[in-house]
Amino acid sequence: MTKPPTVDVKLMLRERVDLFMRVGEIAPAVEQTAAACIASLRAGGTVWTCGNGGSAAEAQHFAAELVGRYKRERDALRAVCLSDNVATLTSVSNDYQYADVFARQVQGMAKRGDVLLAFSTSGNSENILRAALAARTVGVTVIGLTGAGGGKLAATSDIVISVPDQDTPLIQEVHLAVVHVLCDLIETAFASAPGGR
């Protein structure tokens, strides 16, 4: 019987700690993103999110925290994850192509002054790039959440939150932390306002 490879759990955890120690450089972009979301929501806009796989889960998580609540009582905020509607995803994939699943929704629903958070660890996912381009066309502020270098998404984003690493799971772990920080900043702005607005 073959012995399973030895896994150095301490090393795995240390890699994560080391990465989190290096992400201070993205703080200004996170602050800019929070400010863009707050301004849009106060003006009656919508925060849209999209991603694939684990990034889709993070996009869903962010939208859910804004509609529900993160830590504090306040009014619900307008946030929609573009990967939530299975009927739309499958119809666009079937009638057009999967690369258009998010862009088509942006074209049909987003409006000038809205914000799109586009999650792609590589920054090169075609459906994310098309969503970003569609958003720019209609006057939506695009936030690219990516890994080191930002990929092609960096060039089509107004603000780039680029985690300084190439490892997908590690990037996603930092993206989750960013999601929580954004929720805290946004919620603080609305929870402290009269009537939660």
N, C-alpha and C. Protein backbone atom coordinates (compact mmCIF):
# COMPACT_ATOMS: atom_id res chain seq x y z
N MET A 1 0.84 -1.19 0.00
CA MET A 1 0.00 0.00 0.00
C MET A 1 0.88 1.25 0.00
N THR A 2 0.57 2.18 -0.89
CA THR A 2 1.35 3.40 -1.00
C THR A 2 1.00 4.37 0.13
N LYS A 3 2.02 4.88 0.74
CA LYS A 3 1.82 5.84 1.83
C LYS A 3 1.49 7.21 1.22
N PRO A 4 0.45 7.87 1.73
CA PRO A 4 0.10 9.18 1.17
C PRO A 4 1.22 10.18 1.42
N PRO A 5 1.35 11.15 0.52
CA PRO A 5 2.41 12.15 0.69
C PRO A 5 2.21 12.94 1.99
N THR A 6 3.30 13.30 2.60
CA THR A 6 3.25 14.09 3.83
C THR A 6 2.90 15.54 3.48
N VAL A 7 1.96 16.06 4.21
CA VAL A 7 1.53 17.45 3.99
C VAL A 7 2.00 18.28 5.17
N ASP A 8 2.70 19.35 4.87
CA ASP A 8 3.18 20.24 5.92
C ASP A 8 2.13 21.33 6.15
N VAL A 9 1.23 21.05 7.09
CA VAL A 9 0.13 21.98 7.35
C VAL A 9 0.65 23.33 7.85
N LYS A 10 1.67 23.30 8.67
CA LYS A 10 2.22 24.56 9.17
C LYS A 10 2.74 25.42 8.02
N LEU A 11 3.39 24.78 7.05
CA LEU A 11 3.89 25.52 5.90
C LEU A 11 2.73 26.11 5.10
N MET A 12 1.67 25.33 4.91
CA MET A 12 0.50 25.82 4.17
C MET A 12 -0.11 27.03 4.86
N LEU A 13 -0.22 26.96 6.17
CA LEU A 13 -0.77 28.09 6.91
C LEU A 13 0.16 29.29 6.87
N ARG A 14 1.46 29.03 6.94
CA ARG A 14 2.44 30.12 6.89
C ARG A 14 2.40 30.85 5.55
N GLU A 15 2.18 30.10 4.46
CA GLU A 15 2.07 30.73 3.14
C GLU A 15 0.92 31.74 3.13
N ARG A 16 -0.17 31.39 3.78
CA ARG A 16 -1.32 32.28 3.82
C ARG A 16 -1.02 33.52 4.67
N VAL A 17 -0.40 33.30 5.79
CA VAL A 17 -0.03 34.43 6.65
C VAL A 17 0.92 35.36 5.90
N ASP A 18 1.91 34.79 5.22
CA ASP A 18 2.88 35.59 4.48
C ASP A 18 2.20 36.44 3.41
N LEU A 19 1.23 35.84 2.70
CA LEU A 19 0.52 36.59 1.67
C LEU A 19 -0.28 37.72 2.29
N PHE A 20 -0.99 37.45 3.36
CA PHE A 20 -1.77 38.50 4.01
C PHE A 20 -0.88 39.63 4.53
N MET A 21 0.36 39.31 4.88
CA MET A 21 1.29 40.35 5.31
C MET A 21 1.71 41.24 4.15
N ARG A 22 1.55 40.75 2.90
CA ARG A 22 1.98 41.52 1.73
C ARG A 22 0.85 42.27 1.03
N VAL A 23 -0.38 42.14 1.51
CA VAL A 23 -1.49 42.72 0.76
C VAL A 23 -1.85 44.14 1.16
N GLY A 24 -1.07 44.74 2.04
CA GLY A 24 -1.34 46.12 2.43
C GLY A 24 -1.35 47.07 1.25
N GLU A 25 -0.61 46.72 0.20
CA GLU A 25 -0.54 47.58 -0.98
C GLU A 25 -1.88 47.73 -1.70
N ILE A 26 -2.83 46.82 -1.47
CA ILE A 26 -4.12 46.93 -2.15
C ILE A 26 -5.11 47.78 -1.35
N ALA A 27 -4.73 48.23 -0.17
CA ALA A 27 -5.65 49.01 0.68
C ALA A 27 -6.24 50.23 -0.03
N PRO A 28 -5.45 51.04 -0.75
CA PRO A 28 -6.04 52.20 -1.42
C PRO A 28 -7.12 51.81 -2.44
N ALA A 29 -6.89 50.72 -3.17
CA ALA A 29 -7.89 50.27 -4.16
C ALA A 29 -9.15 49.79 -3.47
N VAL A 30 -9.00 49.15 -2.32
CA VAL A 30 -10.17 48.69 -1.56
C VAL A 30 -10.97 49.90 -1.06
N GLU A 31 -10.28 50.91 -0.58
CA GLU A 31 -10.96 52.13 -0.12
C GLU A 31 -11.68 52.82 -1.28
N GLN A 32 -11.04 52.89 -2.44
CA GLN A 32 -11.67 53.49 -3.62
C GLN A 32 -12.91 52.71 -4.05
N THR A 33 -12.81 51.38 -3.95
CA THR A 33 -13.95 50.54 -4.32
C THR A 33 -15.13 50.78 -3.38
N ALA A 34 -14.86 50.82 -2.09
CA ALA A 34 -15.93 51.10 -1.13
C ALA A 34 -16.58 52.44 -1.41
N ALA A 35 -15.76 53.46 -1.69
CA ALA A 35 -16.29 54.80 -1.97
C ALA A 35 -17.17 54.79 -3.22
N ALA A 36 -16.74 54.05 -4.26
CA ALA A 36 -17.52 53.97 -5.49
C ALA A 36 -18.86 53.28 -5.25
N CYS A 37 -18.85 52.21 -4.47
CA CYS A 37 -20.09 51.50 -4.16
C CYS A 37 -21.03 52.37 -3.34
N ILE A 38 -20.50 53.05 -2.34
CA ILE A 38 -21.31 53.91 -1.49
C ILE A 38 -21.94 55.03 -2.31
N ALA A 39 -21.15 55.67 -3.17
CA ALA A 39 -21.68 56.77 -4.00
C ALA A 39 -22.78 56.28 -4.93
N SER A 40 -22.58 55.12 -5.53
CA SER A 40 -23.57 54.57 -6.44
C SER A 40 -24.86 54.22 -5.70
N LEU A 41 -24.73 53.54 -4.57
CA LEU A 41 -25.91 53.13 -3.81
C LEU A 41 -26.68 54.34 -3.30
N ARG A 42 -25.98 55.37 -2.86
CA ARG A 42 -26.65 56.59 -2.37
C ARG A 42 -27.41 57.30 -3.50
N ALA A 43 -26.94 57.12 -4.73
CA ALA A 43 -27.58 57.76 -5.88
C ALA A 43 -28.67 56.87 -6.49
N GLY A 44 -28.98 55.75 -5.82
CA GLY A 44 -30.00 54.85 -6.34
C GLY A 44 -29.48 53.82 -7.32
N GLY A 45 -28.16 53.67 -7.38
CA GLY A 45 -27.56 52.70 -8.31
C GLY A 45 -27.56 51.29 -7.74
N THR A 46 -26.99 50.39 -8.53
CA THR A 46 -26.92 48.98 -8.19
C THR A 46 -25.47 48.52 -8.22
N VAL A 47 -25.10 47.67 -7.27
CA VAL A 47 -23.80 47.02 -7.30
C VAL A 47 -24.01 45.63 -7.90
N TRP A 48 -23.35 45.38 -9.03
CA TRP A 48 -23.43 44.09 -9.72
C TRP A 48 -22.14 43.33 -9.45
N THR A 49 -22.23 42.00 -9.40
CA THR A 49 -21.04 41.19 -9.21
C THR A 49 -21.07 39.99 -10.17
N CYS A 50 -19.88 39.47 -10.50
CA CYS A 50 -19.81 38.27 -11.33
C CYS A 50 -18.48 37.57 -11.15
N GLY A 51 -18.47 36.28 -11.41
CA GLY A 51 -17.26 35.48 -11.31
C GLY A 51 -17.58 34.05 -11.73
N ASN A 52 -16.56 33.23 -11.83
CA ASN A 52 -16.72 31.82 -12.19
C ASN A 52 -16.25 30.94 -11.05
N GLY A 53 -16.93 29.83 -10.81
CA GLY A 53 -16.49 28.88 -9.81
C GLY A 53 -16.41 29.49 -8.42
N GLY A 54 -15.24 29.36 -7.78
CA GLY A 54 -15.05 29.94 -6.45
C GLY A 54 -15.23 31.44 -6.46
N SER A 55 -14.86 32.07 -7.56
CA SER A 55 -15.05 33.52 -7.66
C SER A 55 -16.53 33.88 -7.76
N ALA A 56 -17.32 32.99 -8.36
CA ALA A 56 -18.78 33.20 -8.40
C ALA A 56 -19.34 33.16 -6.99
N ALA A 57 -18.82 32.23 -6.18
CA ALA A 57 -19.27 32.12 -4.80
C ALA A 57 -18.94 33.39 -4.02
N GLU A 58 -17.78 33.96 -4.28
CA GLU A 58 -17.40 35.21 -3.60
C GLU A 58 -18.26 36.37 -4.08
N ALA A 59 -18.56 36.39 -5.38
CA ALA A 59 -19.44 37.42 -5.93
C ALA A 59 -20.83 37.32 -5.30
N GLN A 60 -21.33 36.09 -5.16
CA GLN A 60 -22.62 35.87 -4.51
C GLN A 60 -22.58 36.33 -3.06
N HIS A 61 -21.51 35.98 -2.38
CA HIS A 61 -21.36 36.31 -0.96
C HIS A 61 -21.43 37.83 -0.75
N PHE A 62 -20.72 38.58 -1.59
CA PHE A 62 -20.72 40.03 -1.47
C PHE A 62 -22.12 40.61 -1.67
N ALA A 63 -22.79 40.17 -2.74
CA ALA A 63 -24.14 40.67 -3.01
C ALA A 63 -25.09 40.32 -1.87
N ALA A 64 -24.98 39.10 -1.36
CA ALA A 64 -25.86 38.66 -0.27
C ALA A 64 -25.67 39.50 0.98
N GLU A 65 -24.43 39.84 1.31
CA GLU A 65 -24.16 40.64 2.50
C GLU A 65 -24.74 42.05 2.37
N LEU A 66 -24.75 42.59 1.16
CA LEU A 66 -25.29 43.93 0.96
C LEU A 66 -26.81 43.93 1.03
N VAL A 67 -27.44 42.93 0.42
CA VAL A 67 -28.90 42.85 0.46
C VAL A 67 -29.37 42.51 1.87
N GLY A 68 -28.70 41.56 2.49
CA GLY A 68 -29.04 41.19 3.87
C GLY A 68 -28.39 42.15 4.83
N ARG A 69 -27.46 41.63 5.60
CA ARG A 69 -26.67 42.51 6.46
C ARG A 69 -25.35 41.82 6.74
N TYR A 70 -24.37 42.61 7.05
CA TYR A 70 -23.05 42.08 7.41
C TYR A 70 -22.96 41.97 8.94
N LYS A 71 -22.99 43.12 9.62
CA LYS A 71 -22.94 43.12 11.09
C LYS A 71 -24.00 44.01 11.73
N ARG A 72 -24.43 45.03 10.99
CA ARG A 72 -25.26 46.06 11.60
C ARG A 72 -26.64 46.13 10.94
N GLU A 73 -27.61 46.61 11.69
CA GLU A 73 -28.94 46.83 11.12
C GLU A 73 -28.91 48.07 10.23
N ARG A 74 -29.53 47.92 9.08
CA ARG A 74 -29.66 49.04 8.13
C ARG A 74 -30.61 48.57 7.03
N ASP A 75 -31.00 49.48 6.16
CA ASP A 75 -31.86 49.11 5.04
C ASP A 75 -31.11 48.18 4.08
N ALA A 76 -31.86 47.39 3.35
CA ALA A 76 -31.26 46.55 2.31
C ALA A 76 -30.64 47.43 1.24
N LEU A 77 -29.53 46.97 0.66
CA LEU A 77 -28.84 47.71 -0.40
C LEU A 77 -29.01 46.97 -1.72
N ARG A 78 -28.99 47.73 -2.82
CA ARG A 78 -29.24 47.15 -4.15
C ARG A 78 -27.97 46.46 -4.67
N ALA A 79 -27.98 45.13 -4.63
CA ALA A 79 -26.84 44.36 -5.11
C ALA A 79 -27.35 43.08 -5.77
N VAL A 80 -26.76 42.74 -6.92
CA VAL A 80 -27.20 41.57 -7.69
C VAL A 80 -25.98 40.83 -8.20
N CYS A 81 -25.96 39.52 -7.98
CA CYS A 81 -24.90 38.67 -8.54
C CYS A 81 -25.39 38.09 -9.86
N LEU A 82 -24.64 38.30 -10.92
CA LEU A 82 -25.05 37.89 -12.26
C LEU A 82 -24.98 36.39 -12.50
N SER A 83 -24.43 35.63 -11.57
CA SER A 83 -24.40 34.18 -11.73
C SER A 83 -25.53 33.49 -10.98
N ASP A 84 -26.45 34.26 -10.40
CA ASP A 84 -27.52 33.68 -9.58
C ASP A 84 -28.70 33.14 -10.38
N ASN A 85 -28.95 33.66 -11.56
CA ASN A 85 -30.15 33.28 -12.32
C ASN A 85 -29.82 32.15 -13.29
N VAL A 86 -30.13 30.92 -12.89
CA VAL A 86 -29.78 29.75 -13.70
C VAL A 86 -30.47 29.77 -15.05
N ALA A 87 -31.73 30.20 -15.10
CA ALA A 87 -32.45 30.24 -16.37
C ALA A 87 -31.77 31.18 -17.35
N THR A 88 -31.35 32.34 -16.87
CA THR A 88 -30.66 33.29 -17.74
C THR A 88 -29.30 32.75 -18.17
N LEU A 89 -28.54 32.21 -17.24
CA LEU A 89 -27.22 31.67 -17.58
C LEU A 89 -27.32 30.59 -18.65
N THR A 90 -28.27 29.68 -18.48
CA THR A 90 -28.38 28.56 -19.44
C THR A 90 -28.96 29.00 -20.76
N SER A 91 -29.89 29.95 -20.75
CA SER A 91 -30.47 30.39 -22.02
C SER A 91 -29.45 31.16 -22.85
N VAL A 92 -28.70 32.05 -22.19
CA VAL A 92 -27.68 32.81 -22.93
C VAL A 92 -26.58 31.87 -23.42
N SER A 93 -26.18 30.93 -22.59
CA SER A 93 -25.16 29.95 -23.00
C SER A 93 -25.63 29.14 -24.19
N ASN A 94 -26.89 28.77 -24.19
CA ASN A 94 -27.44 27.94 -25.26
C ASN A 94 -27.67 28.73 -26.54
N ASP A 95 -28.25 29.92 -26.40
CA ASP A 95 -28.62 30.70 -27.58
C ASP A 95 -27.47 31.52 -28.15
N TYR A 96 -26.51 31.86 -27.31
CA TYR A 96 -25.35 32.63 -27.75
C TYR A 96 -24.09 31.81 -27.45
N GLN A 97 -23.41 32.16 -26.39
CA GLN A 97 -22.26 31.38 -25.92
C GLN A 97 -21.97 31.75 -24.49
N TYR A 98 -21.27 30.85 -23.78
CA TYR A 98 -21.03 31.09 -22.36
C TYR A 98 -20.24 32.37 -22.13
N ALA A 99 -19.43 32.76 -23.08
CA ALA A 99 -18.63 33.98 -22.92
C ALA A 99 -19.51 35.22 -22.78
N ASP A 100 -20.79 35.11 -23.16
CA ASP A 100 -21.69 36.27 -23.12
C ASP A 100 -22.64 36.26 -21.92
N VAL A 101 -22.52 35.27 -21.01
CA VAL A 101 -23.54 35.13 -19.96
C VAL A 101 -23.65 36.34 -19.04
N PHE A 102 -22.55 37.01 -18.78
CA PHE A 102 -22.60 38.17 -17.90
C PHE A 102 -22.78 39.47 -18.70
N ALA A 103 -22.12 39.56 -19.82
CA ALA A 103 -22.23 40.78 -20.65
C ALA A 103 -23.66 41.03 -21.09
N ARG A 104 -24.36 39.98 -21.46
CA ARG A 104 -25.75 40.12 -21.91
C ARG A 104 -26.62 40.70 -20.78
N GLN A 105 -26.40 40.24 -19.57
CA GLN A 105 -27.17 40.75 -18.44
C GLN A 105 -26.82 42.21 -18.15
N VAL A 106 -25.54 42.53 -18.24
CA VAL A 106 -25.12 43.92 -18.03
C VAL A 106 -25.78 44.83 -19.06
N GLN A 107 -25.79 44.40 -20.31
CA GLN A 107 -26.40 45.19 -21.37
C GLN A 107 -27.89 45.42 -21.12
N GLY A 108 -28.56 44.41 -20.57
CA GLY A 108 -30.00 44.51 -20.37
C GLY A 108 -30.43 45.22 -19.10
N MET A 109 -29.59 45.21 -18.08
CA MET A 109 -30.05 45.70 -16.78
C MET A 109 -29.23 46.83 -16.15
N ALA A 110 -27.95 46.87 -16.40
CA ALA A 110 -27.11 47.88 -15.74
C ALA A 110 -27.30 49.25 -16.35
N LYS A 111 -27.04 50.27 -15.55
CA LYS A 111 -27.18 51.64 -16.05
C LYS A 111 -26.03 52.51 -15.57
N ARG A 112 -25.89 53.63 -16.23
CA ARG A 112 -24.83 54.57 -15.87
C ARG A 112 -24.88 54.89 -14.37
N GLY A 113 -23.71 54.87 -13.75
CA GLY A 113 -23.64 55.16 -12.33
C GLY A 113 -23.62 53.92 -11.45
N ASP A 114 -23.92 52.76 -12.04
CA ASP A 114 -23.83 51.50 -11.29
C ASP A 114 -22.36 51.10 -11.13
N VAL A 115 -22.13 50.05 -10.37
CA VAL A 115 -20.78 49.52 -10.15
C VAL A 115 -20.81 48.02 -10.43
N LEU A 116 -19.77 47.50 -11.10
CA LEU A 116 -19.62 46.07 -11.34
C LEU A 116 -18.33 45.60 -10.67
N LEU A 117 -18.45 44.62 -9.77
CA LEU A 117 -17.27 43.96 -9.22
C LEU A 117 -17.07 42.67 -9.99
N ALA A 118 -15.98 42.60 -10.75
CA ALA A 118 -15.69 41.45 -11.61
C ALA A 118 -14.55 40.65 -11.01
N PHE A 119 -14.85 39.43 -10.57
CA PHE A 119 -13.87 38.57 -9.92
C PHE A 119 -13.25 37.61 -10.93
N SER A 120 -11.93 37.65 -11.07
CA SER A 120 -11.21 36.70 -11.93
C SER A 120 -9.78 36.61 -11.42
N THR A 121 -9.40 35.46 -10.86
CA THR A 121 -8.06 35.36 -10.28
C THR A 121 -6.97 35.55 -11.33
N SER A 122 -7.23 35.11 -12.57
CA SER A 122 -6.25 35.28 -13.64
C SER A 122 -6.38 36.65 -14.30
N GLY A 123 -7.58 37.20 -14.25
CA GLY A 123 -7.85 38.44 -14.97
C GLY A 123 -8.06 38.21 -16.45
N ASN A 124 -8.19 36.95 -16.87
CA ASN A 124 -8.29 36.64 -18.30
C ASN A 124 -9.51 35.81 -18.67
N SER A 125 -10.45 35.63 -17.77
CA SER A 125 -11.67 34.86 -18.09
C SER A 125 -12.49 35.64 -19.11
N GLU A 126 -12.76 35.02 -20.25
CA GLU A 126 -13.41 35.73 -21.36
C GLU A 126 -14.77 36.30 -20.97
N ASN A 127 -15.57 35.55 -20.22
CA ASN A 127 -16.90 36.06 -19.88
C ASN A 127 -16.82 37.25 -18.92
N ILE A 128 -15.80 37.26 -18.10
CA ILE A 128 -15.60 38.40 -17.19
C ILE A 128 -15.12 39.63 -17.96
N LEU A 129 -14.22 39.40 -18.91
CA LEU A 129 -13.73 40.51 -19.74
C LEU A 129 -14.86 41.13 -20.55
N ARG A 130 -15.72 40.30 -21.10
CA ARG A 130 -16.85 40.82 -21.89
C ARG A 130 -17.83 41.58 -21.01
N ALA A 131 -18.03 41.10 -19.78
CA ALA A 131 -18.90 41.83 -18.85
C ALA A 131 -18.32 43.20 -18.53
N ALA A 132 -17.01 43.25 -18.32
CA ALA A 132 -16.35 44.52 -18.01
C ALA A 132 -16.47 45.50 -19.17
N LEU A 133 -16.26 45.01 -20.37
CA LEU A 133 -16.38 45.86 -21.56
C LEU A 133 -17.81 46.36 -21.74
N ALA A 134 -18.79 45.48 -21.54
CA ALA A 134 -20.19 45.88 -21.65
C ALA A 134 -20.52 46.94 -20.60
N ALA A 135 -19.99 46.76 -19.41
CA ALA A 135 -20.23 47.72 -18.34
C ALA A 135 -19.65 49.08 -18.67
N ARG A 136 -18.43 49.09 -19.16
CA ARG A 136 -17.80 50.37 -19.53
C ARG A 136 -18.63 51.09 -20.60
N THR A 137 -19.18 50.32 -21.52
CA THR A 137 -19.97 50.89 -22.62
C THR A 137 -21.19 51.64 -22.11
N VAL A 138 -21.81 51.15 -21.03
CA VAL A 138 -23.02 51.81 -20.52
C VAL A 138 -22.74 52.75 -19.35
N GLY A 139 -21.48 52.99 -19.04
CA GLY A 139 -21.13 53.96 -18.00
C GLY A 139 -21.12 53.41 -16.60
N VAL A 140 -20.86 52.10 -16.48
CA VAL A 140 -20.76 51.46 -15.17
C VAL A 140 -19.30 51.46 -14.73
N THR A 141 -19.05 51.77 -13.47
CA THR A 141 -17.69 51.71 -12.92
C THR A 141 -17.31 50.25 -12.72
N VAL A 142 -16.17 49.85 -13.27
CA VAL A 142 -15.73 48.46 -13.20
C VAL A 142 -14.60 48.30 -12.19
N ILE A 143 -14.80 47.37 -11.26
CA ILE A 143 -13.78 47.02 -10.27
C ILE A 143 -13.29 45.62 -10.63
N GLY A 144 -12.02 45.46 -10.93
CA GLY A 144 -11.45 44.16 -11.23
C GLY A 144 -10.76 43.58 -10.02
N LEU A 145 -11.21 42.41 -9.56
CA LEU A 145 -10.55 41.70 -8.47
C LEU A 145 -9.79 40.54 -9.07
N THR A 146 -8.46 40.62 -9.02
CA THR A 146 -7.61 39.70 -9.77
C THR A 146 -6.43 39.23 -8.92
N GLY A 147 -5.53 38.49 -9.58
CA GLY A 147 -4.28 38.10 -8.96
C GLY A 147 -3.15 38.99 -9.46
N ALA A 148 -1.91 38.56 -9.25
CA ALA A 148 -0.74 39.34 -9.63
C ALA A 148 -0.77 39.71 -11.10
N GLY A 149 -0.50 40.96 -11.39
CA GLY A 149 -0.47 41.42 -12.77
C GLY A 149 -1.80 41.89 -13.29
N GLY A 150 -2.89 41.31 -12.79
CA GLY A 150 -4.23 41.76 -13.18
C GLY A 150 -4.76 41.20 -14.47
N GLY A 151 -3.90 40.59 -15.30
CA GLY A 151 -4.36 40.06 -16.58
C GLY A 151 -4.97 41.14 -17.45
N LYS A 152 -5.79 40.72 -18.42
CA LYS A 152 -6.44 41.66 -19.34
C LYS A 152 -7.50 42.50 -18.62
N LEU A 153 -8.02 41.97 -17.53
CA LEU A 153 -9.06 42.70 -16.81
C LEU A 153 -8.55 44.04 -16.26
N ALA A 154 -7.28 44.11 -15.94
CA ALA A 154 -6.72 45.34 -15.40
C ALA A 154 -6.90 46.51 -16.37
N ALA A 155 -6.78 46.22 -17.66
CA ALA A 155 -6.88 47.28 -18.67
C ALA A 155 -8.31 47.75 -18.88
N THR A 156 -9.30 46.96 -18.48
CA THR A 156 -10.69 47.34 -18.69
C THR A 156 -11.39 47.71 -17.38
N SER A 157 -10.62 47.87 -16.31
CA SER A 157 -11.19 48.21 -15.01
C SER A 157 -10.84 49.64 -14.63
N ASP A 158 -11.77 50.28 -13.94
CA ASP A 158 -11.51 51.62 -13.41
C ASP A 158 -10.65 51.54 -12.15
N ILE A 159 -10.89 50.50 -11.37
CA ILE A 159 -10.12 50.24 -10.15
C ILE A 159 -9.72 48.77 -10.17
N VAL A 160 -8.47 48.48 -9.84
CA VAL A 160 -7.99 47.10 -9.83
C VAL A 160 -7.52 46.72 -8.42
N ILE A 161 -8.08 45.65 -7.90
CA ILE A 161 -7.62 45.08 -6.64
C ILE A 161 -6.86 43.81 -7.01
N SER A 162 -5.56 43.94 -7.11
CA SER A 162 -4.70 42.86 -7.62
C SER A 162 -3.90 42.23 -6.49
N VAL A 163 -4.28 41.00 -6.12
CA VAL A 163 -3.60 40.29 -5.04
C VAL A 163 -2.22 39.86 -5.54
N PRO A 164 -1.14 40.15 -4.82
CA PRO A 164 0.21 39.87 -5.32
C PRO A 164 0.60 38.40 -5.19
N ASP A 165 -0.12 37.54 -5.92
CA ASP A 165 0.19 36.11 -5.92
C ASP A 165 -0.40 35.48 -7.17
N GLN A 166 0.09 34.29 -7.54
CA GLN A 166 -0.39 33.59 -8.73
C GLN A 166 -1.24 32.37 -8.39
N ASP A 167 -1.28 32.00 -7.12
CA ASP A 167 -1.98 30.77 -6.71
C ASP A 167 -3.47 31.05 -6.52
N THR A 168 -4.32 30.39 -7.31
CA THR A 168 -5.75 30.67 -7.31
C THR A 168 -6.40 30.58 -5.93
N PRO A 169 -6.21 29.48 -5.18
CA PRO A 169 -6.85 29.42 -3.86
C PRO A 169 -6.40 30.54 -2.92
N LEU A 170 -5.12 30.89 -2.96
CA LEU A 170 -4.64 31.96 -2.09
C LEU A 170 -5.24 33.31 -2.49
N ILE A 171 -5.32 33.54 -3.79
CA ILE A 171 -5.93 34.78 -4.27
C ILE A 171 -7.38 34.86 -3.80
N GLN A 172 -8.10 33.75 -3.92
CA GLN A 172 -9.50 33.74 -3.52
C GLN A 172 -9.65 33.97 -2.02
N GLU A 173 -8.71 33.47 -1.23
CA GLU A 173 -8.78 33.71 0.21
C GLU A 173 -8.62 35.19 0.53
N VAL A 174 -7.74 35.86 -0.18
CA VAL A 174 -7.59 37.31 0.02
C VAL A 174 -8.83 38.04 -0.50
N HIS A 175 -9.37 37.59 -1.64
CA HIS A 175 -10.59 38.21 -2.16
C HIS A 175 -11.71 38.13 -1.14
N LEU A 176 -11.82 37.01 -0.44
CA LEU A 176 -12.85 36.89 0.59
C LEU A 176 -12.63 37.92 1.70
N ALA A 177 -11.39 38.11 2.10
CA ALA A 177 -11.09 39.13 3.11
C ALA A 177 -11.45 40.51 2.60
N VAL A 178 -11.16 40.77 1.33
CA VAL A 178 -11.51 42.05 0.71
C VAL A 178 -13.02 42.25 0.73
N VAL A 179 -13.77 41.20 0.39
CA VAL A 179 -15.23 41.26 0.42
C VAL A 179 -15.71 41.68 1.80
N HIS A 180 -15.15 41.08 2.84
CA HIS A 180 -15.57 41.41 4.20
C HIS A 180 -15.20 42.85 4.58
N VAL A 181 -14.03 43.29 4.18
CA VAL A 181 -13.64 44.68 4.46
C VAL A 181 -14.58 45.65 3.74
N LEU A 182 -14.88 45.36 2.48
CA LEU A 182 -15.81 46.21 1.72
C LEU A 182 -17.18 46.25 2.38
N CYS A 183 -17.67 45.10 2.80
CA CYS A 183 -18.97 45.06 3.48
C CYS A 183 -18.96 45.93 4.72
N ASP A 184 -17.89 45.86 5.47
CA ASP A 184 -17.78 46.65 6.70
C ASP A 184 -17.78 48.14 6.39
N LEU A 185 -16.99 48.54 5.39
CA LEU A 185 -16.92 49.96 5.03
C LEU A 185 -18.25 50.48 4.50
N ILE A 186 -18.87 49.71 3.64
CA ILE A 186 -20.14 50.13 3.04
C ILE A 186 -21.24 50.17 4.10
N GLU A 187 -21.31 49.12 4.89
CA GLU A 187 -22.34 49.05 5.91
C GLU A 187 -22.19 50.18 6.94
N THR A 188 -20.98 50.50 7.31
CA THR A 188 -20.75 51.59 8.25
C THR A 188 -21.32 52.89 7.71
N ALA A 189 -21.14 53.12 6.42
CA ALA A 189 -21.66 54.35 5.81
C ALA A 189 -23.17 54.42 5.87
N PHE A 190 -23.83 53.29 5.67
CA PHE A 190 -25.29 53.30 5.64
C PHE A 190 -25.92 53.13 7.02
N ALA A 191 -25.28 52.36 7.87
CA ALA A 191 -25.84 52.16 9.21
C ALA A 191 -25.76 53.42 10.05
N SER A 192 -24.77 54.29 9.75
CA SER A 192 -24.60 55.51 10.52
C SER A 192 -25.46 56.65 10.00
N ALA A 193 -26.06 56.45 8.82
CA ALA A 193 -26.90 57.50 8.25
C ALA A 193 -28.31 57.43 8.84
N PRO A 194 -29.01 58.58 8.95
CA PRO A 194 -30.39 58.56 9.47
C PRO A 194 -31.25 57.63 8.61
N GLY A 195 -31.99 56.73 9.24
CA GLY A 195 -32.86 55.82 8.52
C GLY A 195 -32.09 54.71 7.81
N GLY A 196 -30.79 54.59 8.07
CA GLY A 196 -30.01 53.54 7.42
C GLY A 196 -29.72 53.80 5.97
N ARG A 197 -29.82 55.06 5.51
CA ARG A 197 -29.58 55.37 4.10
C ARG A 197 -28.52 56.46 3.97
